[in-house]
Amino acid sequence: VETTKFRQNTDSSCHTVVVGVVWHQSLSLTHFSASRFCHLRHKSSLSLSFSRSRSLSMDSIVESGWQYLITHYSDFQLSCIGSFIIHESVFFLSGLPFIFLERTGLLSNYKIQTKSNTPEAQGKCIAWLLLYHFCVNFPLMMGSYSVFKFMGMQSSFPLPSWKVVSAQILFYFIIEDFVFYWGHRILHTKWLYKNVHSVHHEYATPFGLTSEYAHPAEILFLGFATIIGPALTGPHLITLWLWMMLRVIETVEAHCGYHFPWSPSNFLPLYGGADFHDYHHRLLYTKSGNYSSTFVYMDWIFGTDKGYRKLQALKEA
């Protein structure tokens, strides 16, 4: 009997010890999990706060910079002279490197055509561009100022949100594509090509800067496609500047003569790019097709890219 009681007491003690150990471990695990959860939540909260503060910091920088501009320069100066300076800076900074690539032969394995332009042809292009920009583009910017102001363009605060800016620029790309396609296609009729558009096609092997090498009449005619979107919506000047920069970079890339692994056409659906437009420059005016500006859907809808698509299919076969 004593032995039995001893065993029962022993079992009871062991059970108590086991329960105590399990309870202790459970409390420890719960405490660890709670601590870990709090740590992760705190870390996530800090990351979100950092992201927000970073965004606020960027907004503050933009607003401070814009405050300086509108304080020191008039609306007319910013809209005309400022726009011209931004255009020239973005155009030549994005276009000149392709002259360097063509002259040195660097990255030649990505060049679409084997032919290259002579230094004399490149120099001629730059000289005429400077003349066109100062005698056509700049007066056009000044002349269109009153139109933009009438349609509601402003440069004061508040600055537009990124949602508004993005929506407006998307609209500009869509309407520019539509108007440019038909204007460009008209320029490929016999008389207009011979007397106007043939100037732009002097360079069968285009390079970045040839994107704006054209007859003054064509600059005015096709330039309408670029400004019609902003003219209809009366955007904030900062939106207009961003649209101009994107449009300049796009047209320089389309004429650059190189197709890189990082070219936008490899990633953006319906984007034409250099290979698409280079095909347009290689062929005779009546057979070229590929009239679109940025995206290719207009050529696809009206069947003016059939030759290019057949060539691409042969390359892939």
C-alpha atoms as a PDB file:
ATOM      1  CA  VAL A   1       0.000   0.000   0.000  1.00  0.00           C
ATOM      2  CA  GLU A   2       2.809   2.382   0.897  1.00  0.00           C
ATOM      3  CA  THR A   3       4.550   1.533  -2.383  1.00  0.00           C
ATOM      4  CA  THR A   4       1.348   2.272  -4.313  1.00  0.00           C
ATOM      5  CA  LYS A   5       0.871   5.638  -2.569  1.00  0.00           C
ATOM      6  CA  PHE A   6       4.507   6.490  -3.249  1.00  0.00           C
ATOM      7  CA  ARG A   7       4.043   5.773  -6.970  1.00  0.00           C
ATOM      8  CA  GLN A   8       0.874   7.866  -7.108  1.00  0.00           C
ATOM      9  CA  ASN A   9       2.596  10.805  -5.427  1.00  0.00           C
ATOM     10  CA  THR A  10       5.544  10.441  -7.757  1.00  0.00           C
ATOM     11  CA  ASP A  11       3.317  10.327 -10.862  1.00  0.00           C
ATOM     12  CA  SER A  12       1.390  13.354  -9.648  1.00  0.00           C
ATOM     13  CA  SER A  13       4.605  15.293  -9.068  1.00  0.00           C
ATOM     14  CA  CYS A  14       5.958  14.343 -12.484  1.00  0.00           C
ATOM     15  CA  HIS A  15       2.674  15.365 -14.118  1.00  0.00           C
ATOM     16  CA  THR A  16       2.823  18.711 -12.337  1.00  0.00           C
ATOM     17  CA  VAL A  17       6.422  19.273 -13.438  1.00  0.00           C
ATOM     18  CA  VAL A  18       5.608  18.375 -17.079  1.00  0.00           C
ATOM     19  CA  VAL A  19       2.579  20.646 -17.120  1.00  0.00           C
ATOM     20  CA  GLY A  20       4.648  23.434 -15.615  1.00  0.00           C
ATOM     21  CA  VAL A  21       7.394  23.019 -18.189  1.00  0.00           C
ATOM     22  CA  VAL A  22       4.902  22.977 -21.088  1.00  0.00           C
ATOM     23  CA  TRP A  23       3.100  26.015 -19.707  1.00  0.00           C
ATOM     24  CA  HIS A  24       6.382  27.856 -19.298  1.00  0.00           C
ATOM     25  CA  GLN A  25       7.433  27.029 -22.881  1.00  0.00           C
ATOM     26  CA  SER A  26       4.043  28.066 -24.190  1.00  0.00           C
ATOM     27  CA  LEU A  27       4.291  31.397 -22.406  1.00  0.00           C
ATOM     28  CA  SER A  28       7.812  31.872 -23.753  1.00  0.00           C
ATOM     29  CA  LEU A  29       6.723  31.032 -27.304  1.00  0.00           C
ATOM     30  CA  THR A  30       3.720  33.337 -27.048  1.00  0.00           C
ATOM     31  CA  HIS A  31       5.923  36.116 -25.755  1.00  0.00           C
ATOM     32  CA  PHE A  32       8.418  35.533 -28.581  1.00  0.00           C
ATOM     33  CA  SER A  33       5.693  35.498 -31.239  1.00  0.00           C
ATOM     34  CA  ALA A  34       4.110  38.649 -29.852  1.00  0.00           C
ATOM     35  CA  SER A  35       7.487  40.351 -29.717  1.00  0.00           C
ATOM     36  CA  ARG A  36       8.280  39.251 -33.271  1.00  0.00           C
ATOM     37  CA  PHE A  37       4.900  40.439 -34.516  1.00  0.00           C
ATOM     38  CA  CYS A  38       5.375  43.811 -32.828  1.00  0.00           C
ATOM     39  CA  HIS A  39       8.879  44.067 -34.285  1.00  0.00           C
ATOM     40  CA  LEU A  40       7.667  43.306 -37.815  1.00  0.00           C
ATOM     41  CA  ARG A  41       4.730  45.652 -37.433  1.00  0.00           C
ATOM     42  CA  HIS A  42       7.042  48.382 -36.166  1.00  0.00           C
ATOM     43  CA  LYS A  43       9.452  47.713 -39.013  1.00  0.00           C
ATOM     44  CA  SER A  44       6.621  47.833 -41.558  1.00  0.00           C
ATOM     45  CA  SER A  45       5.325  51.024 -40.006  1.00  0.00           C
ATOM     46  CA  LEU A  46       8.778  52.585 -40.181  1.00  0.00           C
ATOM     47  CA  SER A  47       9.138  51.518 -43.826  1.00  0.00           C
ATOM     48  CA  LEU A  48       5.760  53.020 -44.711  1.00  0.00           C
ATOM     49  CA  SER A  49       6.594  56.191 -42.815  1.00  0.00           C
ATOM     50  CA  PHE A  50       9.935  56.422 -44.632  1.00  0.00           C
ATOM     51  CA  SER A  51       8.207  55.946 -47.981  1.00  0.00           C
ATOM     52  CA  ARG A  52       5.670  58.632 -47.166  1.00  0.00           C
ATOM     53  CA  SER A  53       8.312  61.028 -45.879  1.00  0.00           C
ATOM     54  CA  ARG A  54      10.387  60.378 -48.964  1.00  0.00           C
ATOM     55  CA  SER A  55       7.386  61.161 -51.163  1.00  0.00           C
ATOM     56  CA  LEU A  56       6.641  64.274 -49.151  1.00  0.00           C
ATOM     57  CA  SER A  57      10.291  65.267 -49.391  1.00  0.00           C
ATOM     58  CA  MET A  58      10.216  64.914 -53.197  1.00  0.00           C
ATOM     59  CA  ASP A  59       7.010  66.962 -53.357  1.00  0.00           C
ATOM     60  CA  SER A  60       8.646  69.612 -51.190  1.00  0.00           C
ATOM     61  CA  ILE A  61      11.678  69.765 -53.473  1.00  0.00           C
ATOM     62  CA  VAL A  62       9.490  70.156 -56.568  1.00  0.00           C
ATOM     63  CA  GLU A  63       7.326  72.791 -54.895  1.00  0.00           C
ATOM     64  CA  SER A  64      10.359  74.717 -53.642  1.00  0.00           C
ATOM     65  CA  GLY A  65      11.932  74.659 -57.092  1.00  0.00           C
ATOM     66  CA  TRP A  66       8.700  75.751 -58.713  1.00  0.00           C
ATOM     67  CA  GLN A  67       8.268  78.542 -56.150  1.00  0.00           C
ATOM     68  CA  TYR A  68      11.689  79.858 -57.109  1.00  0.00           C
ATOM     69  CA  LEU A  69      10.844  79.827 -60.826  1.00  0.00           C
ATOM     70  CA  ILE A  70       7.505  81.632 -60.578  1.00  0.00           C
ATOM     71  CA  THR A  71       9.019  84.169 -58.166  1.00  0.00           C
ATOM     72  CA  HIS A  72      11.944  85.110 -60.415  1.00  0.00           C
ATOM     73  CA  TYR A  73      10.420  84.734 -63.896  1.00  0.00           C
ATOM     74  CA  SER A  74       7.182  85.811 -65.534  1.00  0.00           C
ATOM     75  CA  ASP A  75       4.608  83.401 -66.885  1.00  0.00           C
ATOM     76  CA  PHE A  76       5.546  84.371 -70.451  1.00  0.00           C
ATOM     77  CA  GLN A  77       9.259  83.820 -69.807  1.00  0.00           C
ATOM     78  CA  LEU A  78       8.669  80.376 -68.335  1.00  0.00           C
ATOM     79  CA  SER A  79       6.197  79.330 -71.019  1.00  0.00           C
ATOM     80  CA  CYS A  80       8.265  80.498 -73.991  1.00  0.00           C
ATOM     81  CA  ILE A  81      11.929  80.860 -73.083  1.00  0.00           C
ATOM     82  CA  GLY A  82      11.806  78.146 -70.412  1.00  0.00           C
ATOM     83  CA  SER A  83      10.080  75.721 -72.758  1.00  0.00           C
ATOM     84  CA  PHE A  84      12.618  76.444 -75.501  1.00  0.00           C
ATOM     85  CA  ILE A  85      15.587  75.874 -73.173  1.00  0.00           C
ATOM     86  CA  ILE A  86      14.129  72.598 -71.920  1.00  0.00           C
ATOM     87  CA  HIS A  87      13.418  71.435 -75.462  1.00  0.00           C
ATOM     88  CA  GLU A  88      16.924  72.220 -76.702  1.00  0.00           C
ATOM     89  CA  SER A  89      18.570  70.643 -73.657  1.00  0.00           C
ATOM     90  CA  VAL A  90      16.610  67.399 -73.797  1.00  0.00           C
ATOM     91  CA  PHE A  91      16.849  67.159 -77.591  1.00  0.00           C
ATOM     92  CA  PHE A  92      20.610  67.573 -77.908  1.00  0.00           C
ATOM     93  CA  LEU A  93      21.496  65.665 -74.722  1.00  0.00           C
ATOM     94  CA  SER A  94      19.478  62.658 -75.906  1.00  0.00           C
ATOM     95  CA  GLY A  95      20.471  62.919 -79.574  1.00  0.00           C
ATOM     96  CA  LEU A  96      24.191  63.733 -79.602  1.00  0.00           C
ATOM     97  CA  PRO A  97      25.320  60.408 -78.038  1.00  0.00           C
ATOM     98  CA  PHE A  98      24.107  58.580 -81.166  1.00  0.00           C
ATOM     99  CA  ILE A  99      26.453  60.659 -83.319  1.00  0.00           C
ATOM    100  CA  PHE A 100      29.269  59.568 -80.999  1.00  0.00           C
ATOM    101  CA  LEU A 101      28.231  55.915 -81.330  1.00  0.00           C
ATOM    102  CA  GLU A 102      28.070  56.140 -85.116  1.00  0.00           C
ATOM    103  CA  ARG A 103      31.471  57.812 -85.438  1.00  0.00           C
ATOM    104  CA  THR A 104      33.305  55.524 -83.030  1.00  0.00           C
ATOM    105  CA  GLY A 105      31.584  52.274 -83.987  1.00  0.00           C
ATOM    106  CA  LEU A 106      30.770  51.466 -80.393  1.00  0.00           C
ATOM    107  CA  LEU A 107      27.798  49.112 -79.908  1.00  0.00           C
ATOM    108  CA  SER A 108      27.730  48.611 -83.683  1.00  0.00           C
ATOM    109  CA  ASN A 109      26.244  45.132 -83.225  1.00  0.00           C
ATOM    110  CA  TYR A 110      23.015  46.869 -82.169  1.00  0.00           C
ATOM    111  CA  LYS A 111      22.951  49.175 -85.195  1.00  0.00           C
ATOM    112  CA  ILE A 112      19.944  48.469 -87.417  1.00  0.00           C
ATOM    113  CA  GLN A 113      21.596  49.433 -90.717  1.00  0.00           C
ATOM    114  CA  THR A 114      25.187  48.727 -91.687  1.00  0.00           C
ATOM    115  CA  LYS A 115      25.490  52.097 -93.424  1.00  0.00           C
ATOM    116  CA  SER A 116      26.614  55.167 -91.482  1.00  0.00           C
ATOM    117  CA  ASN A 117      26.345  58.904 -92.034  1.00  0.00           C
ATOM    118  CA  THR A 118      29.450  60.924 -92.824  1.00  0.00           C
ATOM    119  CA  PRO A 119      30.623  63.653 -90.408  1.00  0.00           C
ATOM    120  CA  GLU A 120      29.699  66.193 -93.113  1.00  0.00           C
ATOM    121  CA  ALA A 121      26.105  64.887 -93.252  1.00  0.00           C
ATOM    122  CA  GLN A 122      25.858  64.987 -89.475  1.00  0.00           C
ATOM    123  CA  GLY A 123      27.254  68.523 -89.355  1.00  0.00           C
ATOM    124  CA  LYS A 124      24.789  69.663 -92.012  1.00  0.00           C
ATOM    125  CA  CYS A 125      21.918  68.241 -89.966  1.00  0.00           C
ATOM    126  CA  ILE A 126      23.000  70.074 -86.791  1.00  0.00           C
ATOM    127  CA  ALA A 127      23.479  73.402 -88.610  1.00  0.00           C
ATOM    128  CA  TRP A 128      20.014  73.287 -90.163  1.00  0.00           C
ATOM    129  CA  LEU A 129      18.475  72.173 -86.890  1.00  0.00           C
ATOM    130  CA  LEU A 130      19.816  75.201 -85.050  1.00  0.00           C
ATOM    131  CA  LEU A 131      18.438  77.456 -87.781  1.00  0.00           C
ATOM    132  CA  TYR A 132      15.023  75.745 -87.709  1.00  0.00           C
ATOM    133  CA  HIS A 133      14.825  75.767 -83.923  1.00  0.00           C
ATOM    134  CA  PHE A 134      15.583  79.474 -83.551  1.00  0.00           C
ATOM    135  CA  CYS A 135      13.673  80.658 -86.623  1.00  0.00           C
ATOM    136  CA  VAL A 136      10.671  78.281 -86.555  1.00  0.00           C
ATOM    137  CA  ASN A 137      10.290  76.461 -83.225  1.00  0.00           C
ATOM    138  CA  PHE A 138      10.944  79.406 -80.927  1.00  0.00           C
ATOM    139  CA  PRO A 139       8.586  81.813 -82.737  1.00  0.00           C
ATOM    140  CA  LEU A 140       5.987  79.017 -82.781  1.00  0.00           C
ATOM    141  CA  MET A 141       6.269  78.666 -78.990  1.00  0.00           C
ATOM    142  CA  MET A 142       5.782  82.395 -78.521  1.00  0.00           C
ATOM    143  CA  GLY A 143       2.888  82.486 -80.967  1.00  0.00           C
ATOM    144  CA  SER A 144       1.052  79.609 -79.297  1.00  0.00           C
ATOM    145  CA  TYR A 145       1.385  81.130 -75.805  1.00  0.00           C
ATOM    146  CA  SER A 146      -1.841  83.123 -76.074  1.00  0.00           C
ATOM    147  CA  VAL A 147      -3.725  80.027 -77.291  1.00  0.00           C
ATOM    148  CA  PHE A 148      -2.588  77.963 -74.317  1.00  0.00           C
ATOM    149  CA  LYS A 149      -3.443  80.762 -71.896  1.00  0.00           C
ATOM    150  CA  PHE A 150      -6.867  81.137 -73.442  1.00  0.00           C
ATOM    151  CA  MET A 151      -7.451  77.387 -72.978  1.00  0.00           C
ATOM    152  CA  GLY A 152      -6.562  77.625 -69.297  1.00  0.00           C
ATOM    153  CA  MET A 153      -2.843  76.876 -68.987  1.00  0.00           C
ATOM    154  CA  GLN A 154      -1.376  78.229 -65.748  1.00  0.00           C
ATOM    155  CA  SER A 155       1.940  78.110 -63.936  1.00  0.00           C
ATOM    156  CA  SER A 156       0.894  79.095 -60.406  1.00  0.00           C
ATOM    157  CA  PHE A 157       0.156  76.904 -57.406  1.00  0.00           C
ATOM    158  CA  PRO A 158      -1.286  74.407 -56.687  1.00  0.00           C
ATOM    159  CA  LEU A 159       0.728  71.946 -58.751  1.00  0.00           C
ATOM    160  CA  PRO A 160      -1.287  69.136 -60.354  1.00  0.00           C
ATOM    161  CA  SER A 161      -1.291  65.683 -58.767  1.00  0.00           C
ATOM    162  CA  TRP A 162       0.588  62.842 -60.409  1.00  0.00           C
ATOM    163  CA  LYS A 163      -2.743  61.204 -61.257  1.00  0.00           C
ATOM    164  CA  VAL A 164      -3.860  64.256 -63.213  1.00  0.00           C
ATOM    165  CA  VAL A 165      -0.471  64.602 -64.920  1.00  0.00           C
ATOM    166  CA  SER A 166      -0.425  60.911 -65.904  1.00  0.00           C
ATOM    167  CA  ALA A 167      -3.985  60.975 -67.257  1.00  0.00           C
ATOM    168  CA  GLN A 168      -3.346  64.095 -69.323  1.00  0.00           C
ATOM    169  CA  ILE A 169      -0.076  62.818 -70.800  1.00  0.00           C
ATOM    170  CA  LEU A 170      -1.692  59.497 -71.726  1.00  0.00           C
ATOM    171  CA  PHE A 171      -4.418  61.481 -73.522  1.00  0.00           C
ATOM    172  CA  TYR A 172      -1.753  63.540 -75.329  1.00  0.00           C
ATOM    173  CA  PHE A 173       0.010  60.407 -76.571  1.00  0.00           C
ATOM    174  CA  ILE A 174      -3.248  58.924 -77.878  1.00  0.00           C
ATOM    175  CA  ILE A 175      -4.448  62.041 -79.711  1.00  0.00           C
ATOM    176  CA  GLU A 176      -0.936  62.819 -80.979  1.00  0.00           C
ATOM    177  CA  ASP A 177      -0.690  59.330 -82.476  1.00  0.00           C
ATOM    178  CA  PHE A 178      -4.013  59.718 -84.273  1.00  0.00           C
ATOM    179  CA  VAL A 179      -3.323  63.193 -85.711  1.00  0.00           C
ATOM    180  CA  PHE A 180       0.322  62.444 -86.550  1.00  0.00           C
ATOM    181  CA  TYR A 181      -0.586  59.239 -88.401  1.00  0.00           C
ATOM    182  CA  TRP A 182      -2.942  60.990 -90.802  1.00  0.00           C
ATOM    183  CA  GLY A 183      -0.711  64.046 -91.200  1.00  0.00           C
ATOM    184  CA  HIS A 184       2.309  61.862 -91.904  1.00  0.00           C
ATOM    185  CA  ARG A 185       0.360  59.717 -94.339  1.00  0.00           C
ATOM    186  CA  ILE A 186      -0.783  62.835 -96.220  1.00  0.00           C
ATOM    187  CA  LEU A 187       2.839  63.985 -96.451  1.00  0.00           C
ATOM    188  CA  HIS A 188       3.590  60.766 -98.332  1.00  0.00           C
ATOM    189  CA  THR A 189       1.320  61.715-101.213  1.00  0.00           C
ATOM    190  CA  LYS A 190       3.335  62.441-104.348  1.00  0.00           C
ATOM    191  CA  TRP A 191       3.344  66.259-104.433  1.00  0.00           C
ATOM    192  CA  LEU A 192       3.762  66.837-100.697  1.00  0.00           C
ATOM    193  CA  TYR A 193       6.502  64.241-100.452  1.00  0.00           C
ATOM    194  CA  LYS A 194       8.449  65.758-103.335  1.00  0.00           C
ATOM    195  CA  ASN A 195       8.121  69.358-102.177  1.00  0.00           C
ATOM    196  CA  VAL A 196       8.011  69.030 -98.382  1.00  0.00           C
ATOM    197  CA  HIS A 197       8.551  65.645 -96.719  1.00  0.00           C
ATOM    198  CA  SER A 198      11.513  64.595 -98.878  1.00  0.00           C
ATOM    199  CA  VAL A 199      13.691  66.928 -96.770  1.00  0.00           C
ATOM    200  CA  HIS A 200      13.190  64.696 -93.730  1.00  0.00           C
ATOM    201  CA  HIS A 201      13.891  61.594 -95.846  1.00  0.00           C
ATOM    202  CA  GLU A 202      17.256  62.876 -97.033  1.00  0.00           C
ATOM    203  CA  TYR A 203      18.613  60.673 -94.260  1.00  0.00           C
ATOM    204  CA  ALA A 204      17.757  57.097 -95.287  1.00  0.00           C
ATOM    205  CA  THR A 205      19.942  56.027 -92.375  1.00  0.00           C
ATOM    206  CA  PRO A 206      18.525  58.116 -89.545  1.00  0.00           C
ATOM    207  CA  PHE A 207      20.282  59.062 -86.321  1.00  0.00           C
ATOM    208  CA  GLY A 208      18.753  60.667 -83.245  1.00  0.00           C
ATOM    209  CA  LEU A 209      18.968  64.313 -84.312  1.00  0.00           C
ATOM    210  CA  THR A 210      17.339  63.699 -87.706  1.00  0.00           C
ATOM    211  CA  SER A 211      14.046  63.328 -85.832  1.00  0.00           C
ATOM    212  CA  GLU A 212      13.520  67.103 -86.119  1.00  0.00           C
ATOM    213  CA  TYR A 213      15.305  67.658 -89.413  1.00  0.00           C
ATOM    214  CA  ALA A 214      12.437  68.640 -91.702  1.00  0.00           C
ATOM    215  CA  HIS A 215      11.030  71.301 -93.996  1.00  0.00           C
ATOM    216  CA  PRO A 216       9.657  74.333 -92.065  1.00  0.00           C
ATOM    217  CA  ALA A 217       6.196  73.630 -93.490  1.00  0.00           C
ATOM    218  CA  GLU A 218       6.357  70.093 -92.091  1.00  0.00           C
ATOM    219  CA  ILE A 219       7.478  71.378 -88.689  1.00  0.00           C
ATOM    220  CA  LEU A 220       4.362  73.546 -88.553  1.00  0.00           C
ATOM    221  CA  PHE A 221       2.073  70.888 -90.016  1.00  0.00           C
ATOM    222  CA  LEU A 222       3.108  67.876 -87.911  1.00  0.00           C
ATOM    223  CA  GLY A 223       3.879  70.061 -84.905  1.00  0.00           C
ATOM    224  CA  PHE A 224       0.134  70.545 -84.637  1.00  0.00           C
ATOM    225  CA  ALA A 225      -0.142  66.882 -83.586  1.00  0.00           C
ATOM    226  CA  THR A 226       2.113  67.523 -80.584  1.00  0.00           C
ATOM    227  CA  ILE A 227       0.360  70.643 -79.319  1.00  0.00           C
ATOM    228  CA  ILE A 228      -3.295  69.794 -79.975  1.00  0.00           C
ATOM    229  CA  GLY A 229      -3.663  67.710 -76.786  1.00  0.00           C
ATOM    230  CA  PRO A 230      -2.315  70.391 -74.433  1.00  0.00           C
ATOM    231  CA  ALA A 231      -4.192  73.090 -76.362  1.00  0.00           C
ATOM    232  CA  LEU A 232      -7.477  71.264 -75.744  1.00  0.00           C
ATOM    233  CA  THR A 233      -6.942  70.676 -72.028  1.00  0.00           C
ATOM    234  CA  GLY A 234      -5.075  73.786 -70.895  1.00  0.00           C
ATOM    235  CA  PRO A 235      -2.672  71.932 -68.582  1.00  0.00           C
ATOM    236  CA  HIS A 236      -0.371  73.221 -65.903  1.00  0.00           C
ATOM    237  CA  LEU A 237       2.960  74.337 -67.361  1.00  0.00           C
ATOM    238  CA  ILE A 238       4.808  71.595 -65.490  1.00  0.00           C
ATOM    239  CA  THR A 239       2.626  69.011 -67.266  1.00  0.00           C
ATOM    240  CA  LEU A 240       3.374  70.637 -70.605  1.00  0.00           C
ATOM    241  CA  TRP A 241       7.105  70.494 -69.889  1.00  0.00           C
ATOM    242  CA  LEU A 242       6.951  66.827 -68.942  1.00  0.00           C
ATOM    243  CA  TRP A 243       4.945  66.005 -72.081  1.00  0.00           C
ATOM    244  CA  MET A 244       7.460  67.872 -74.242  1.00  0.00           C
ATOM    245  CA  MET A 245      10.396  66.023 -72.677  1.00  0.00           C
ATOM    246  CA  LEU A 246       8.780  62.607 -73.158  1.00  0.00           C
ATOM    247  CA  ARG A 247       7.793  63.404 -76.742  1.00  0.00           C
ATOM    248  CA  VAL A 248      11.313  64.600 -77.614  1.00  0.00           C
ATOM    249  CA  ILE A 249      12.948  61.534 -76.044  1.00  0.00           C
ATOM    250  CA  GLU A 250      10.489  59.252 -77.867  1.00  0.00           C
ATOM    251  CA  THR A 251      11.100  60.766 -81.316  1.00  0.00           C
ATOM    252  CA  VAL A 252      14.889  60.784 -80.822  1.00  0.00           C
ATOM    253  CA  GLU A 253      14.757  57.104 -79.816  1.00  0.00           C
ATOM    254  CA  ALA A 254      12.612  56.272 -82.859  1.00  0.00           C
ATOM    255  CA  HIS A 255      15.232  57.826 -85.163  1.00  0.00           C
ATOM    256  CA  CYS A 256      18.350  56.691 -83.282  1.00  0.00           C
ATOM    257  CA  GLY A 257      19.192  53.836 -85.674  1.00  0.00           C
ATOM    258  CA  TYR A 258      19.895  51.328 -82.887  1.00  0.00           C
ATOM    259  CA  HIS A 259      17.835  48.531 -81.388  1.00  0.00           C
ATOM    260  CA  PHE A 260      19.176  47.699 -77.935  1.00  0.00           C
ATOM    261  CA  PRO A 261      18.071  44.958 -75.511  1.00  0.00           C
ATOM    262  CA  TRP A 262      16.838  47.799 -73.280  1.00  0.00           C
ATOM    263  CA  SER A 263      14.909  49.593 -76.059  1.00  0.00           C
ATOM    264  CA  PRO A 264      11.347  50.483 -74.969  1.00  0.00           C
ATOM    265  CA  SER A 265       9.848  48.442 -77.821  1.00  0.00           C
ATOM    266  CA  ASN A 266      11.062  45.284 -76.054  1.00  0.00           C
ATOM    267  CA  PHE A 267       8.944  46.056 -73.012  1.00  0.00           C
ATOM    268  CA  LEU A 268       6.051  48.361 -73.956  1.00  0.00           C
ATOM    269  CA  PRO A 269       3.126  46.791 -75.840  1.00  0.00           C
ATOM    270  CA  LEU A 270       2.248  48.514 -79.144  1.00  0.00           C
ATOM    271  CA  TYR A 271       5.329  50.771 -78.934  1.00  0.00           C
ATOM    272  CA  GLY A 272       6.991  51.298 -82.323  1.00  0.00           C
ATOM    273  CA  GLY A 273      10.526  52.368 -81.575  1.00  0.00           C
ATOM    274  CA  ALA A 274      13.664  52.578 -83.691  1.00  0.00           C
ATOM    275  CA  ASP A 275      13.318  49.335 -85.647  1.00  0.00           C
ATOM    276  CA  PHE A 276       9.734  50.149 -86.642  1.00  0.00           C
ATOM    277  CA  HIS A 277      10.548  53.672 -87.844  1.00  0.00           C
ATOM    278  CA  ASP A 278      13.887  52.748 -89.416  1.00  0.00           C
ATOM    279  CA  TYR A 279      11.953  50.529 -91.822  1.00  0.00           C
ATOM    280  CA  HIS A 280       9.953  53.614 -92.850  1.00  0.00           C
ATOM    281  CA  HIS A 281      13.137  55.509 -93.755  1.00  0.00           C
ATOM    282  CA  ARG A 282      14.674  52.666 -95.749  1.00  0.00           C
ATOM    283  CA  LEU A 283      11.903  52.355 -98.355  1.00  0.00           C
ATOM    284  CA  LEU A 284      10.527  54.542-101.142  1.00  0.00           C
ATOM    285  CA  TYR A 285       7.827  57.015-100.170  1.00  0.00           C
ATOM    286  CA  THR A 286       4.973  55.118-101.856  1.00  0.00           C
ATOM    287  CA  LYS A 287       5.804  51.773-100.234  1.00  0.00           C
ATOM    288  CA  SER A 288       7.129  52.608 -96.798  1.00  0.00           C
ATOM    289  CA  GLY A 289       4.120  52.426 -94.432  1.00  0.00           C
ATOM    290  CA  ASN A 290       4.782  52.609 -90.688  1.00  0.00           C
ATOM    291  CA  TYR A 291       3.420  56.142 -90.419  1.00  0.00           C
ATOM    292  CA  SER A 292       2.667  56.064 -86.691  1.00  0.00           C
ATOM    293  CA  SER A 293       4.411  58.284 -84.205  1.00  0.00           C
ATOM    294  CA  THR A 294       4.736  56.441 -80.888  1.00  0.00           C
ATOM    295  CA  PHE A 295       2.425  53.431 -80.870  1.00  0.00           C
ATOM    296  CA  VAL A 296       1.679  51.141 -83.805  1.00  0.00           C
ATOM    297  CA  TYR A 297      -2.049  50.521 -83.508  1.00  0.00           C
ATOM    298  CA  MET A 298      -3.004  53.015 -86.250  1.00  0.00           C
ATOM    299  CA  ASP A 299      -0.774  51.239 -88.791  1.00  0.00           C
ATOM    300  CA  TRP A 300      -2.167  47.908 -87.655  1.00  0.00           C
ATOM    301  CA  ILE A 301      -5.801  49.064 -87.955  1.00  0.00           C
ATOM    302  CA  PHE A 302      -5.349  50.498 -91.462  1.00  0.00           C
ATOM    303  CA  GLY A 303      -2.931  47.840 -92.700  1.00  0.00           C
ATOM    304  CA  THR A 304      -0.025  50.166 -93.437  1.00  0.00           C
ATOM    305  CA  ASP A 305       2.483  48.008 -91.594  1.00  0.00           C
ATOM    306  CA  LYS A 306       1.997  44.786 -93.577  1.00  0.00           C
ATOM    307  CA  GLY A 307       5.395  44.986 -95.260  1.00  0.00           C
ATOM    308  CA  TYR A 308       7.148  45.471 -91.939  1.00  0.00           C
ATOM    309  CA  ARG A 309       5.264  42.606 -90.300  1.00  0.00           C
ATOM    310  CA  LYS A 310       6.116  40.270 -93.191  1.00  0.00           C
ATOM    311  CA  LEU A 311       9.788  41.200 -92.831  1.00  0.00           C
ATOM    312  CA  GLN A 312       9.654  40.526 -89.079  1.00  0.00           C
ATOM    313  CA  ALA A 313       8.004  37.155 -89.707  1.00  0.00           C
ATOM    314  CA  LEU A 314      10.782  36.198 -92.138  1.00  0.00           C
ATOM    315  CA  LYS A 315      13.426  37.173 -89.576  1.00  0.00           C
ATOM    316  CA  GLU A 316      11.786  35.034 -86.908  1.00  0.00           C
ATOM    317  CA  ALA A 317      11.275  32.033 -89.205  1.00  0.00           C
END
